Amino acid sequence: MSGPETSLSSSASAEPPANSVTTTCPPPPPPLPPLLASARAAPPVDDNSRPSPFLEKLDSMPANYVFELPEEPPYIYTPSYYFFYGTLMNPDILKGAEIYGYSLSNWGQYKALVDGEPSAVVTGCAYMVQSVEEEFKLAYYETNAYELALCEIYFTDAPSGKENEEPVVGRTFKYAGDAEALKDGRFDRTLWELQMGRRLPPAWRTKTDEA
């Protein structure tokens, strides 16, 4: 009965054949070098020990700074010259003046200032407007048929008896409608729409209006 056991034990203790592959584990890697001082994690900082710049700025502000708006400086009106022509001319109390680059056209019984050649001259008067109230009164008198325009005012009655060579930048009321329609004496669609506050119906428009 010992024959099979002896053969099994002898076969188990026998060496592997010469052509068999033997697997071996690689050696462990070397240890990593120590961390540099600059790469090491910084020690934890207690946030409560360092004050917040935002909180410091907040503490330095007034109690109701969110609801208290800064006081704006009072508005100071700067007087400016206005150039007048037509019915507003009064040489007895206004200064004689003239402007360049504009011309006058007839709008019914009134004069209307429109753009002209650079050498065109309009003679009138100038007045120094002293307040916003005076500006409102002038605009109300002129109605929305006129609009404000900048101009260079040359005074013709200087105290020295000579025209002032240096002009003064001022304002004047210019015709707000279609200057070409005004000159041609035809219906001014632009002014009509401006005064009525609505567009002219297409059936009422002419070929000139559409152009």
N, C-alpha and C. Protein backbone atom coordinates (compact mmCIF):
# COMPACT_ATOMS: atom_id res chain seq x y z
N MET A 1 0.82 -1.21 0.00
CA MET A 1 0.00 0.00 0.00
C MET A 1 0.85 1.24 0.00
N SER A 2 2.10 1.08 0.24
CA SER A 2 2.97 2.25 0.31
C SER A 2 3.53 2.65 -1.04
N GLY A 3 3.26 1.91 -2.01
CA GLY A 3 3.83 2.23 -3.32
C GLY A 3 3.32 3.54 -3.89
N PRO A 4 2.01 3.77 -3.98
CA PRO A 4 1.49 5.03 -4.55
C PRO A 4 1.87 6.24 -3.74
N GLU A 5 1.84 6.17 -2.44
CA GLU A 5 2.19 7.32 -1.62
C GLU A 5 3.63 7.72 -1.83
N THR A 6 4.50 6.69 -1.97
CA THR A 6 5.91 7.00 -2.15
C THR A 6 6.13 7.70 -3.47
N SER A 7 5.38 7.30 -4.51
CA SER A 7 5.56 7.97 -5.82
C SER A 7 5.02 9.38 -5.80
N LEU A 8 3.91 9.65 -5.09
CA LEU A 8 3.35 11.02 -5.02
C LEU A 8 4.28 11.95 -4.29
N SER A 9 4.83 11.45 -3.17
CA SER A 9 5.72 12.31 -2.40
C SER A 9 6.99 12.59 -3.15
N SER A 10 7.46 11.59 -3.88
CA SER A 10 8.70 11.80 -4.63
C SER A 10 8.47 12.77 -5.77
N SER A 11 7.28 12.69 -6.39
CA SER A 11 7.00 13.62 -7.49
C SER A 11 6.78 15.02 -7.01
N ALA A 12 6.23 15.22 -5.82
CA ALA A 12 5.99 16.57 -5.29
C ALA A 12 7.28 17.23 -4.90
N SER A 13 8.26 16.45 -4.42
CA SER A 13 9.52 17.05 -3.99
C SER A 13 10.52 17.16 -5.11
N ALA A 14 10.13 16.76 -6.27
CA ALA A 14 11.08 16.82 -7.38
C ALA A 14 11.24 18.24 -7.86
N GLU A 15 12.40 18.60 -8.43
CA GLU A 15 12.68 19.94 -8.95
C GLU A 15 11.92 20.17 -10.24
N PRO A 16 11.58 21.44 -10.53
CA PRO A 16 10.85 21.74 -11.77
C PRO A 16 11.71 21.47 -12.98
N PRO A 17 11.08 21.23 -14.09
CA PRO A 17 11.86 20.97 -15.31
C PRO A 17 12.72 22.16 -15.67
N ALA A 18 13.70 21.89 -16.46
CA ALA A 18 14.67 22.94 -16.83
C ALA A 18 14.04 24.01 -17.68
N ASN A 19 13.04 23.69 -18.49
CA ASN A 19 12.44 24.67 -19.40
C ASN A 19 11.30 25.45 -18.78
N SER A 20 10.98 25.31 -17.49
CA SER A 20 9.89 26.08 -16.83
C SER A 20 10.36 27.47 -16.49
N VAL A 21 9.41 28.51 -16.42
CA VAL A 21 9.70 29.93 -16.13
C VAL A 21 9.43 30.20 -14.67
N THR A 22 10.40 30.78 -14.02
CA THR A 22 10.27 31.10 -12.59
C THR A 22 10.01 32.59 -12.44
N THR A 23 8.92 33.00 -11.76
CA THR A 23 8.56 34.43 -11.54
C THR A 23 9.07 34.85 -10.18
N THR A 24 9.74 36.06 -10.17
CA THR A 24 10.25 36.62 -8.91
C THR A 24 9.72 38.02 -8.75
N CYS A 25 9.45 38.54 -7.58
CA CYS A 25 8.94 39.90 -7.29
C CYS A 25 10.07 40.90 -7.37
N PRO A 26 9.80 42.14 -7.97
CA PRO A 26 10.86 43.16 -8.05
C PRO A 26 11.16 43.71 -6.66
N PRO A 27 12.34 44.27 -6.48
CA PRO A 27 12.66 44.83 -5.16
C PRO A 27 11.84 46.09 -4.89
N PRO A 28 11.58 46.45 -3.69
CA PRO A 28 10.78 47.66 -3.36
C PRO A 28 11.53 48.92 -3.79
N PRO A 29 10.78 50.02 -4.17
CA PRO A 29 11.46 51.26 -4.59
C PRO A 29 12.14 51.93 -3.41
N PRO A 30 13.14 52.79 -3.72
CA PRO A 30 13.83 53.48 -2.61
C PRO A 30 12.92 54.51 -1.97
N PRO A 31 13.13 54.90 -0.77
CA PRO A 31 12.27 55.90 -0.10
C PRO A 31 12.42 57.27 -0.77
N LEU A 32 11.30 58.10 -0.74
CA LEU A 32 11.31 59.43 -1.32
C LEU A 32 12.21 60.37 -0.52
N PRO A 33 12.79 61.36 -1.22
CA PRO A 33 13.63 62.32 -0.48
C PRO A 33 12.77 63.18 0.44
N PRO A 34 13.33 63.76 1.46
CA PRO A 34 12.55 64.61 2.38
C PRO A 34 12.09 65.89 1.66
N LEU A 35 10.90 66.43 2.04
CA LEU A 35 10.34 67.65 1.46
C LEU A 35 11.21 68.84 1.80
N LEU A 36 11.30 69.76 0.80
CA LEU A 36 11.99 71.01 1.08
C LEU A 36 11.17 71.86 2.03
N ALA A 37 11.86 72.84 2.62
CA ALA A 37 11.17 73.69 3.59
C ALA A 37 10.09 74.51 2.91
N SER A 38 10.32 74.92 1.62
CA SER A 38 9.33 75.75 0.93
C SER A 38 8.11 74.95 0.50
N ALA A 39 8.25 73.62 0.38
CA ALA A 39 7.14 72.79 -0.07
C ALA A 39 6.35 72.19 1.07
N ARG A 40 6.83 72.38 2.25
CA ARG A 40 6.10 71.83 3.38
C ARG A 40 4.84 72.64 3.66
N ALA A 41 3.82 71.99 4.13
CA ALA A 41 2.57 72.67 4.44
C ALA A 41 2.76 73.65 5.58
N ALA A 42 2.18 74.85 5.40
CA ALA A 42 2.28 75.87 6.44
C ALA A 42 1.44 75.47 7.64
N PRO A 43 1.89 75.85 8.78
CA PRO A 43 1.11 75.51 9.96
C PRO A 43 -0.24 76.20 9.92
N PRO A 44 -1.26 75.62 10.44
CA PRO A 44 -2.60 76.24 10.43
C PRO A 44 -2.59 77.58 11.16
N VAL A 45 -3.34 78.54 10.56
CA VAL A 45 -3.44 79.89 11.13
C VAL A 45 -4.82 80.07 11.68
N ASP A 46 -4.87 80.62 12.84
CA ASP A 46 -6.15 80.90 13.47
C ASP A 46 -6.73 82.17 12.86
N ASP A 47 -7.86 82.04 12.11
CA ASP A 47 -8.46 83.20 11.47
C ASP A 47 -8.95 84.22 12.48
N ASN A 48 -9.28 83.81 13.65
CA ASN A 48 -9.77 84.74 14.66
C ASN A 48 -8.66 85.64 15.19
N SER A 49 -7.41 85.21 15.04
CA SER A 49 -6.31 86.02 15.55
C SER A 49 -5.89 87.12 14.58
N ARG A 50 -6.34 87.05 13.28
CA ARG A 50 -5.96 88.05 12.28
C ARG A 50 -7.20 88.85 11.90
N PRO A 51 -7.23 90.18 12.11
CA PRO A 51 -8.43 90.97 11.82
C PRO A 51 -8.67 91.06 10.31
N SER A 52 -9.93 91.11 9.91
CA SER A 52 -10.30 91.21 8.50
C SER A 52 -10.24 92.67 8.05
N PRO A 53 -9.60 92.96 6.92
CA PRO A 53 -9.58 94.35 6.42
C PRO A 53 -10.98 94.87 6.14
N PHE A 54 -11.87 94.02 5.67
CA PHE A 54 -13.24 94.46 5.39
C PHE A 54 -13.95 94.88 6.67
N LEU A 55 -13.76 94.07 7.74
CA LEU A 55 -14.41 94.41 9.00
C LEU A 55 -13.82 95.68 9.60
N GLU A 56 -12.51 95.89 9.44
CA GLU A 56 -11.91 97.12 9.94
C GLU A 56 -12.46 98.34 9.21
N LYS A 57 -12.64 98.22 7.87
CA LYS A 57 -13.20 99.33 7.10
C LYS A 57 -14.65 99.56 7.46
N LEU A 58 -15.37 98.48 7.71
CA LEU A 58 -16.77 98.59 8.09
C LEU A 58 -16.93 99.26 9.44
N ASP A 59 -16.04 98.94 10.37
CA ASP A 59 -16.12 99.55 11.70
C ASP A 59 -15.80 101.04 11.68
N SER A 60 -15.00 101.48 10.70
CA SER A 60 -14.62 102.89 10.65
C SER A 60 -15.69 103.77 10.01
N MET A 61 -16.75 103.19 9.42
CA MET A 61 -17.78 103.98 8.77
C MET A 61 -18.86 104.39 9.75
N PRO A 62 -19.62 105.46 9.40
CA PRO A 62 -20.71 105.88 10.29
C PRO A 62 -21.75 104.79 10.45
N ALA A 63 -22.58 104.97 11.44
CA ALA A 63 -23.57 103.94 11.76
C ALA A 63 -24.58 103.77 10.63
N ASN A 64 -25.02 104.87 10.00
CA ASN A 64 -26.05 104.80 8.97
C ASN A 64 -25.50 105.22 7.61
N TYR A 65 -24.29 104.77 7.32
CA TYR A 65 -23.67 105.23 6.06
C TYR A 65 -24.39 104.68 4.84
N VAL A 66 -25.09 103.57 4.96
CA VAL A 66 -25.80 103.00 3.82
C VAL A 66 -27.00 103.87 3.44
N PHE A 67 -27.63 104.48 4.42
CA PHE A 67 -28.84 105.25 4.18
C PHE A 67 -28.58 106.74 4.05
N GLU A 68 -27.41 107.19 4.41
CA GLU A 68 -27.08 108.61 4.32
C GLU A 68 -26.29 108.87 3.05
N LEU A 69 -26.92 109.54 2.07
CA LEU A 69 -26.27 109.88 0.83
C LEU A 69 -25.40 111.11 1.01
N PRO A 70 -24.28 111.18 0.32
CA PRO A 70 -23.43 112.38 0.46
C PRO A 70 -24.15 113.61 -0.08
N GLU A 71 -23.94 114.71 0.56
CA GLU A 71 -24.59 115.94 0.16
C GLU A 71 -23.97 116.47 -1.13
N GLU A 72 -24.82 116.74 -2.11
CA GLU A 72 -24.34 117.30 -3.36
C GLU A 72 -24.19 118.82 -3.23
N PRO A 73 -23.19 119.36 -3.89
CA PRO A 73 -23.03 120.82 -3.82
C PRO A 73 -24.22 121.52 -4.45
N PRO A 74 -24.59 122.66 -3.96
CA PRO A 74 -25.75 123.37 -4.52
C PRO A 74 -25.52 123.77 -5.97
N TYR A 75 -26.59 123.71 -6.75
CA TYR A 75 -26.49 124.05 -8.16
C TYR A 75 -26.32 125.55 -8.31
N ILE A 76 -25.34 125.94 -9.08
CA ILE A 76 -25.07 127.35 -9.33
C ILE A 76 -25.23 127.59 -10.82
N TYR A 77 -26.18 128.44 -11.16
CA TYR A 77 -26.44 128.72 -12.58
C TYR A 77 -25.37 129.66 -13.12
N THR A 78 -24.91 129.35 -14.31
CA THR A 78 -23.91 130.19 -14.97
C THR A 78 -24.61 131.05 -16.01
N PRO A 79 -24.66 132.35 -15.84
CA PRO A 79 -25.31 133.21 -16.83
C PRO A 79 -24.66 133.06 -18.20
N SER A 80 -25.46 133.17 -19.24
CA SER A 80 -24.96 133.03 -20.61
C SER A 80 -25.73 133.98 -21.52
N TYR A 81 -25.08 134.36 -22.61
CA TYR A 81 -25.69 135.28 -23.56
C TYR A 81 -26.63 134.53 -24.50
N TYR A 82 -27.75 135.18 -24.81
CA TYR A 82 -28.70 134.71 -25.81
C TYR A 82 -28.77 135.74 -26.93
N PHE A 83 -28.81 135.25 -28.15
CA PHE A 83 -28.93 136.14 -29.31
C PHE A 83 -30.38 136.14 -29.77
N PHE A 84 -30.94 137.36 -29.93
CA PHE A 84 -32.33 137.52 -30.33
C PHE A 84 -32.42 138.24 -31.67
N TYR A 85 -33.49 137.96 -32.37
CA TYR A 85 -33.77 138.57 -33.66
C TYR A 85 -35.30 138.69 -33.77
N GLY A 86 -35.75 139.43 -34.73
CA GLY A 86 -37.19 139.53 -34.96
C GLY A 86 -37.90 140.29 -33.85
N THR A 87 -38.98 139.70 -33.32
CA THR A 87 -39.84 140.40 -32.36
C THR A 87 -39.17 140.60 -31.00
N LEU A 88 -38.12 139.86 -30.69
CA LEU A 88 -37.47 140.00 -29.38
C LEU A 88 -36.36 141.05 -29.39
N MET A 89 -36.14 141.69 -30.49
CA MET A 89 -35.10 142.71 -30.55
C MET A 89 -35.58 143.99 -29.86
N ASN A 90 -34.73 144.50 -28.98
CA ASN A 90 -35.02 145.77 -28.29
C ASN A 90 -33.68 146.48 -28.08
N PRO A 91 -33.25 147.29 -29.02
CA PRO A 91 -31.94 147.93 -28.92
C PRO A 91 -31.81 148.87 -27.73
N ASP A 92 -32.94 149.30 -27.14
CA ASP A 92 -32.86 150.23 -26.01
C ASP A 92 -32.30 149.57 -24.75
N ILE A 93 -32.59 148.29 -24.56
CA ILE A 93 -32.14 147.62 -23.34
C ILE A 93 -31.20 146.45 -23.64
N LEU A 94 -31.09 146.05 -24.90
CA LEU A 94 -30.23 144.93 -25.26
C LEU A 94 -29.00 145.42 -26.00
N LYS A 95 -27.98 144.61 -26.04
CA LYS A 95 -26.74 144.96 -26.70
C LYS A 95 -26.79 144.55 -28.16
N GLY A 96 -26.37 145.46 -29.03
CA GLY A 96 -26.33 145.12 -30.44
C GLY A 96 -25.32 144.02 -30.72
N ALA A 97 -25.70 143.06 -31.56
CA ALA A 97 -24.82 141.92 -31.83
C ALA A 97 -25.17 141.33 -33.18
N GLU A 98 -24.34 140.43 -33.63
CA GLU A 98 -24.58 139.72 -34.87
C GLU A 98 -23.92 138.35 -34.77
N ILE A 99 -24.45 137.42 -35.56
CA ILE A 99 -23.92 136.06 -35.61
C ILE A 99 -23.69 135.68 -37.07
N TYR A 100 -22.84 134.69 -37.29
CA TYR A 100 -22.48 134.24 -38.64
C TYR A 100 -22.91 132.79 -38.83
N GLY A 101 -23.12 132.42 -40.08
CA GLY A 101 -23.48 131.05 -40.41
C GLY A 101 -24.97 130.78 -40.38
N TYR A 102 -25.78 131.79 -40.18
CA TYR A 102 -27.23 131.64 -40.16
C TYR A 102 -27.86 132.65 -41.10
N SER A 103 -29.14 132.42 -41.42
CA SER A 103 -29.93 133.36 -42.22
C SER A 103 -31.36 133.35 -41.70
N LEU A 104 -32.14 134.35 -42.13
CA LEU A 104 -33.52 134.49 -41.67
C LEU A 104 -34.48 134.18 -42.81
N SER A 105 -35.55 133.46 -42.47
CA SER A 105 -36.63 133.18 -43.41
C SER A 105 -37.94 133.63 -42.78
N ASN A 106 -38.93 133.87 -43.60
CA ASN A 106 -40.24 134.29 -43.12
C ASN A 106 -41.10 133.07 -42.80
N TRP A 107 -41.65 133.07 -41.60
CA TRP A 107 -42.60 132.05 -41.18
C TRP A 107 -43.88 132.78 -40.77
N GLY A 108 -44.71 133.02 -41.75
CA GLY A 108 -45.89 133.84 -41.50
C GLY A 108 -45.46 135.27 -41.22
N GLN A 109 -45.89 135.81 -40.08
CA GLN A 109 -45.50 137.15 -39.68
C GLN A 109 -44.24 137.18 -38.82
N TYR A 110 -43.63 136.02 -38.62
CA TYR A 110 -42.45 135.93 -37.76
C TYR A 110 -41.22 135.62 -38.60
N LYS A 111 -40.08 135.85 -37.98
CA LYS A 111 -38.79 135.50 -38.57
C LYS A 111 -38.31 134.19 -37.97
N ALA A 112 -37.73 133.36 -38.80
CA ALA A 112 -37.21 132.07 -38.35
C ALA A 112 -35.75 131.97 -38.74
N LEU A 113 -34.93 131.59 -37.79
CA LEU A 113 -33.50 131.45 -38.01
C LEU A 113 -33.21 130.04 -38.54
N VAL A 114 -32.50 129.98 -39.66
CA VAL A 114 -32.14 128.69 -40.26
C VAL A 114 -30.65 128.71 -40.58
N ASP A 115 -30.11 127.55 -40.90
CA ASP A 115 -28.70 127.47 -41.27
C ASP A 115 -28.46 128.22 -42.58
N GLY A 116 -27.32 128.88 -42.64
CA GLY A 116 -26.96 129.62 -43.84
C GLY A 116 -25.51 129.37 -44.22
N GLU A 117 -25.03 130.16 -45.16
CA GLU A 117 -23.64 130.06 -45.57
C GLU A 117 -22.72 130.53 -44.44
N PRO A 118 -21.48 130.04 -44.41
CA PRO A 118 -20.56 130.47 -43.33
C PRO A 118 -20.37 131.98 -43.27
N SER A 119 -20.47 132.65 -44.39
CA SER A 119 -20.27 134.09 -44.41
C SER A 119 -21.55 134.88 -44.18
N ALA A 120 -22.70 134.20 -44.08
CA ALA A 120 -23.96 134.89 -43.88
C ALA A 120 -24.00 135.53 -42.49
N VAL A 121 -24.58 136.72 -42.41
CA VAL A 121 -24.62 137.48 -41.16
C VAL A 121 -26.07 137.77 -40.80
N VAL A 122 -26.41 137.61 -39.54
CA VAL A 122 -27.73 137.97 -39.02
C VAL A 122 -27.51 139.01 -37.92
N THR A 123 -28.16 140.14 -38.05
CA THR A 123 -28.02 141.22 -37.08
C THR A 123 -29.17 141.16 -36.09
N GLY A 124 -28.83 141.37 -34.83
CA GLY A 124 -29.85 141.33 -33.79
C GLY A 124 -29.34 141.94 -32.51
N CYS A 125 -29.77 141.36 -31.38
CA CYS A 125 -29.37 141.85 -30.07
C CYS A 125 -29.00 140.67 -29.19
N ALA A 126 -28.25 140.97 -28.14
CA ALA A 126 -27.82 139.93 -27.20
C ALA A 126 -28.21 140.34 -25.79
N TYR A 127 -28.52 139.34 -25.00
CA TYR A 127 -28.93 139.57 -23.60
C TYR A 127 -28.33 138.48 -22.74
N MET A 128 -27.84 138.89 -21.56
CA MET A 128 -27.28 137.93 -20.62
C MET A 128 -28.41 137.36 -19.76
N VAL A 129 -28.76 136.11 -20.00
CA VAL A 129 -29.78 135.43 -19.21
C VAL A 129 -29.21 135.11 -17.84
N GLN A 130 -29.96 135.47 -16.79
CA GLN A 130 -29.42 135.40 -15.45
C GLN A 130 -29.87 134.19 -14.64
N SER A 131 -30.89 133.47 -15.07
CA SER A 131 -31.41 132.38 -14.24
C SER A 131 -32.09 131.33 -15.12
N VAL A 132 -32.37 130.19 -14.50
CA VAL A 132 -33.10 129.13 -15.19
C VAL A 132 -34.53 129.57 -15.48
N GLU A 133 -35.10 130.36 -14.57
CA GLU A 133 -36.47 130.84 -14.78
C GLU A 133 -36.57 131.67 -16.05
N GLU A 134 -35.57 132.51 -16.31
CA GLU A 134 -35.59 133.29 -17.54
C GLU A 134 -35.48 132.40 -18.78
N GLU A 135 -34.69 131.35 -18.68
CA GLU A 135 -34.59 130.42 -19.81
C GLU A 135 -35.93 129.75 -20.08
N PHE A 136 -36.63 129.35 -19.03
CA PHE A 136 -37.94 128.72 -19.21
C PHE A 136 -38.94 129.68 -19.84
N LYS A 137 -38.90 130.92 -19.44
CA LYS A 137 -39.82 131.91 -20.00
C LYS A 137 -39.55 132.13 -21.49
N LEU A 138 -38.28 132.19 -21.85
CA LEU A 138 -37.94 132.36 -23.26
C LEU A 138 -38.37 131.16 -24.09
N ALA A 139 -38.13 129.96 -23.58
CA ALA A 139 -38.52 128.75 -24.31
C ALA A 139 -40.04 128.66 -24.44
N TYR A 140 -40.76 129.09 -23.41
CA TYR A 140 -42.22 129.07 -23.48
C TYR A 140 -42.73 130.06 -24.52
N TYR A 141 -42.08 131.21 -24.61
CA TYR A 141 -42.48 132.22 -25.59
C TYR A 141 -42.21 131.74 -27.01
N GLU A 142 -41.10 131.09 -27.23
CA GLU A 142 -40.73 130.66 -28.57
C GLU A 142 -41.51 129.42 -29.03
N THR A 143 -42.04 128.64 -28.10
CA THR A 143 -42.77 127.39 -28.37
C THR A 143 -41.81 126.34 -28.94
N ASN A 144 -42.36 125.15 -29.19
CA ASN A 144 -41.52 124.06 -29.70
C ASN A 144 -41.26 124.16 -31.19
N ALA A 145 -41.68 125.25 -31.82
CA ALA A 145 -41.32 125.48 -33.21
C ALA A 145 -39.87 125.89 -33.35
N TYR A 146 -39.23 126.20 -32.24
CA TYR A 146 -37.83 126.60 -32.23
C TYR A 146 -37.06 125.71 -31.27
N GLU A 147 -35.79 125.57 -31.53
CA GLU A 147 -34.91 124.80 -30.67
C GLU A 147 -33.63 125.60 -30.43
N LEU A 148 -32.98 125.30 -29.30
CA LEU A 148 -31.76 126.02 -28.96
C LEU A 148 -30.60 125.56 -29.83
N ALA A 149 -29.76 126.50 -30.21
CA ALA A 149 -28.58 126.21 -31.00
C ALA A 149 -27.44 127.09 -30.51
N LEU A 150 -26.25 126.55 -30.54
CA LEU A 150 -25.07 127.32 -30.15
C LEU A 150 -24.69 128.29 -31.25
N CYS A 151 -24.11 129.39 -30.85
CA CYS A 151 -23.67 130.39 -31.82
C CYS A 151 -22.55 131.22 -31.20
N GLU A 152 -21.80 131.88 -32.05
CA GLU A 152 -20.77 132.82 -31.62
C GLU A 152 -21.30 134.24 -31.82
N ILE A 153 -21.39 134.98 -30.74
CA ILE A 153 -22.00 136.30 -30.75
C ILE A 153 -20.91 137.36 -30.82
N TYR A 154 -21.03 138.23 -31.78
CA TYR A 154 -20.13 139.37 -31.93
C TYR A 154 -20.90 140.64 -31.56
N PHE A 155 -20.39 141.39 -30.60
CA PHE A 155 -21.06 142.62 -30.16
C PHE A 155 -20.67 143.77 -31.08
N THR A 156 -21.67 144.55 -31.45
CA THR A 156 -21.46 145.67 -32.37
C THR A 156 -21.48 147.02 -31.67
N ASP A 157 -21.83 147.05 -30.40
CA ASP A 157 -21.86 148.33 -29.67
C ASP A 157 -20.95 148.26 -28.45
N ALA A 158 -19.72 147.87 -28.67
CA ALA A 158 -18.75 147.80 -27.58
C ALA A 158 -18.51 149.19 -27.02
N PRO A 159 -18.19 149.32 -25.74
CA PRO A 159 -17.96 150.64 -25.15
C PRO A 159 -16.84 151.40 -25.83
N SER A 160 -15.87 150.72 -26.39
CA SER A 160 -14.75 151.39 -27.04
C SER A 160 -15.12 151.96 -28.40
N GLY A 161 -16.33 151.68 -28.86
CA GLY A 161 -16.77 152.19 -30.15
C GLY A 161 -16.38 151.29 -31.30
N LYS A 162 -15.69 150.19 -31.04
CA LYS A 162 -15.28 149.26 -32.09
C LYS A 162 -15.91 147.90 -31.82
N GLU A 163 -16.07 147.14 -32.86
CA GLU A 163 -16.63 145.79 -32.71
C GLU A 163 -15.66 144.91 -31.93
N ASN A 164 -16.20 144.12 -31.09
CA ASN A 164 -15.38 143.21 -30.31
C ASN A 164 -14.89 142.08 -31.21
N GLU A 165 -13.58 141.93 -31.31
CA GLU A 165 -13.02 140.91 -32.20
C GLU A 165 -13.19 139.50 -31.64
N GLU A 166 -13.26 139.35 -30.33
CA GLU A 166 -13.40 138.04 -29.71
C GLU A 166 -14.88 137.73 -29.50
N PRO A 167 -15.42 136.71 -30.16
CA PRO A 167 -16.84 136.41 -29.97
C PRO A 167 -17.10 135.73 -28.64
N VAL A 168 -18.34 135.74 -28.24
CA VAL A 168 -18.79 135.07 -27.02
C VAL A 168 -19.68 133.91 -27.42
N VAL A 169 -19.42 132.75 -26.88
CA VAL A 169 -20.25 131.59 -27.18
C VAL A 169 -21.57 131.73 -26.44
N GLY A 170 -22.65 131.72 -27.19
CA GLY A 170 -23.97 131.87 -26.60
C GLY A 170 -24.97 130.92 -27.24
N ARG A 171 -26.24 131.25 -27.09
CA ARG A 171 -27.31 130.42 -27.62
C ARG A 171 -28.31 131.29 -28.35
N THR A 172 -29.04 130.66 -29.24
CA THR A 172 -30.10 131.33 -29.97
C THR A 172 -31.18 130.32 -30.30
N PHE A 173 -32.36 130.83 -30.69
CA PHE A 173 -33.48 129.95 -31.02
C PHE A 173 -33.53 129.77 -32.54
N LYS A 174 -33.40 128.52 -32.95
CA LYS A 174 -33.35 128.16 -34.37
C LYS A 174 -34.63 127.42 -34.75
N TYR A 175 -35.04 127.59 -36.00
CA TYR A 175 -36.25 126.93 -36.49
C TYR A 175 -36.10 125.42 -36.38
N ALA A 176 -37.10 124.76 -35.79
CA ALA A 176 -37.01 123.33 -35.53
C ALA A 176 -37.58 122.47 -36.64
N GLY A 177 -38.22 123.08 -37.62
CA GLY A 177 -38.83 122.30 -38.69
C GLY A 177 -37.89 122.09 -39.86
N ASP A 178 -38.48 121.83 -41.01
CA ASP A 178 -37.72 121.61 -42.24
C ASP A 178 -37.41 122.96 -42.86
N ALA A 179 -36.14 123.34 -42.85
CA ALA A 179 -35.76 124.66 -43.36
C ALA A 179 -36.02 124.79 -44.85
N GLU A 180 -35.85 123.72 -45.62
CA GLU A 180 -36.08 123.78 -47.06
C GLU A 180 -37.56 123.98 -47.36
N ALA A 181 -38.42 123.30 -46.60
CA ALA A 181 -39.85 123.50 -46.80
C ALA A 181 -40.26 124.92 -46.43
N LEU A 182 -39.63 125.47 -45.42
CA LEU A 182 -39.92 126.85 -45.02
C LEU A 182 -39.50 127.83 -46.11
N LYS A 183 -38.34 127.63 -46.68
CA LYS A 183 -37.85 128.53 -47.74
C LYS A 183 -38.71 128.42 -49.00
N ASP A 184 -39.18 127.21 -49.31
CA ASP A 184 -39.99 127.00 -50.51
C ASP A 184 -41.44 127.41 -50.31
N GLY A 185 -41.83 127.67 -49.08
CA GLY A 185 -43.21 128.06 -48.81
C GLY A 185 -44.20 126.92 -48.89
N ARG A 186 -43.76 125.69 -48.71
CA ARG A 186 -44.67 124.55 -48.76
C ARG A 186 -44.92 123.99 -47.37
N PHE A 187 -45.83 123.03 -47.31
CA PHE A 187 -46.22 122.45 -46.03
C PHE A 187 -45.02 121.77 -45.37
N ASP A 188 -44.83 122.09 -44.08
CA ASP A 188 -43.69 121.53 -43.33
C ASP A 188 -44.18 120.35 -42.51
N ARG A 189 -43.97 119.15 -43.04
CA ARG A 189 -44.42 117.95 -42.33
C ARG A 189 -43.67 117.76 -41.02
N THR A 190 -42.36 118.06 -41.01
CA THR A 190 -41.55 117.89 -39.81
C THR A 190 -42.08 118.73 -38.65
N LEU A 191 -42.38 119.98 -38.93
CA LEU A 191 -42.89 120.86 -37.88
C LEU A 191 -44.28 120.45 -37.44
N TRP A 192 -45.11 120.01 -38.39
CA TRP A 192 -46.46 119.58 -38.04
C TRP A 192 -46.42 118.39 -37.08
N GLU A 193 -45.59 117.40 -37.39
CA GLU A 193 -45.49 116.23 -36.52
C GLU A 193 -44.90 116.61 -35.17
N LEU A 194 -43.97 117.56 -35.16
CA LEU A 194 -43.37 117.98 -33.90
C LEU A 194 -44.39 118.68 -33.00
N GLN A 195 -45.23 119.51 -33.58
CA GLN A 195 -46.21 120.24 -32.78
C GLN A 195 -47.42 119.39 -32.42
N MET A 196 -47.80 118.48 -33.30
CA MET A 196 -48.96 117.63 -33.03
C MET A 196 -48.61 116.42 -32.16
N GLY A 197 -47.34 116.05 -32.15
CA GLY A 197 -46.93 114.89 -31.36
C GLY A 197 -47.31 113.56 -31.96
N ARG A 198 -47.51 113.50 -33.26
CA ARG A 198 -47.85 112.24 -33.93
C ARG A 198 -47.40 112.31 -35.38
N ARG A 199 -47.37 111.13 -36.03
CA ARG A 199 -46.93 111.04 -37.40
C ARG A 199 -48.06 111.43 -38.35
N LEU A 200 -47.68 112.00 -39.47
CA LEU A 200 -48.65 112.36 -40.49
C LEU A 200 -49.15 111.10 -41.19
N PRO A 201 -50.46 110.95 -41.38
CA PRO A 201 -50.96 109.74 -42.08
C PRO A 201 -50.34 109.60 -43.45
N PRO A 202 -50.02 108.36 -43.86
CA PRO A 202 -49.37 108.16 -45.18
C PRO A 202 -50.18 108.72 -46.35
N ALA A 203 -51.51 108.70 -46.25
CA ALA A 203 -52.33 109.20 -47.36
C ALA A 203 -52.18 110.70 -47.54
N TRP A 204 -51.72 111.40 -46.50
CA TRP A 204 -51.59 112.85 -46.57
C TRP A 204 -50.21 113.27 -47.04
N ARG A 205 -49.32 112.35 -47.15
CA ARG A 205 -47.95 112.70 -47.51
C ARG A 205 -47.82 112.87 -49.03
N THR A 206 -46.96 113.77 -49.39
CA THR A 206 -46.67 114.01 -50.80
C THR A 206 -45.36 113.34 -51.18
N LYS A 207 -45.03 113.38 -52.46
CA LYS A 207 -43.77 112.80 -52.91
C LYS A 207 -42.59 113.54 -52.30
N THR A 208 -42.73 114.83 -52.12
CA THR A 208 -41.65 115.60 -51.49
C THR A 208 -41.45 115.20 -50.05
N ASP A 209 -42.56 114.93 -49.32
CA ASP A 209 -42.43 114.49 -47.92
C ASP A 209 -41.77 113.14 -47.83
N GLU A 210 -42.12 112.22 -48.74
CA GLU A 210 -41.54 110.88 -48.70
C GLU A 210 -40.06 110.89 -49.07
N ALA A 211 -39.65 111.84 -49.88
CA ALA A 211 -38.24 111.93 -50.24
C ALA A 211 -37.44 112.44 -49.08
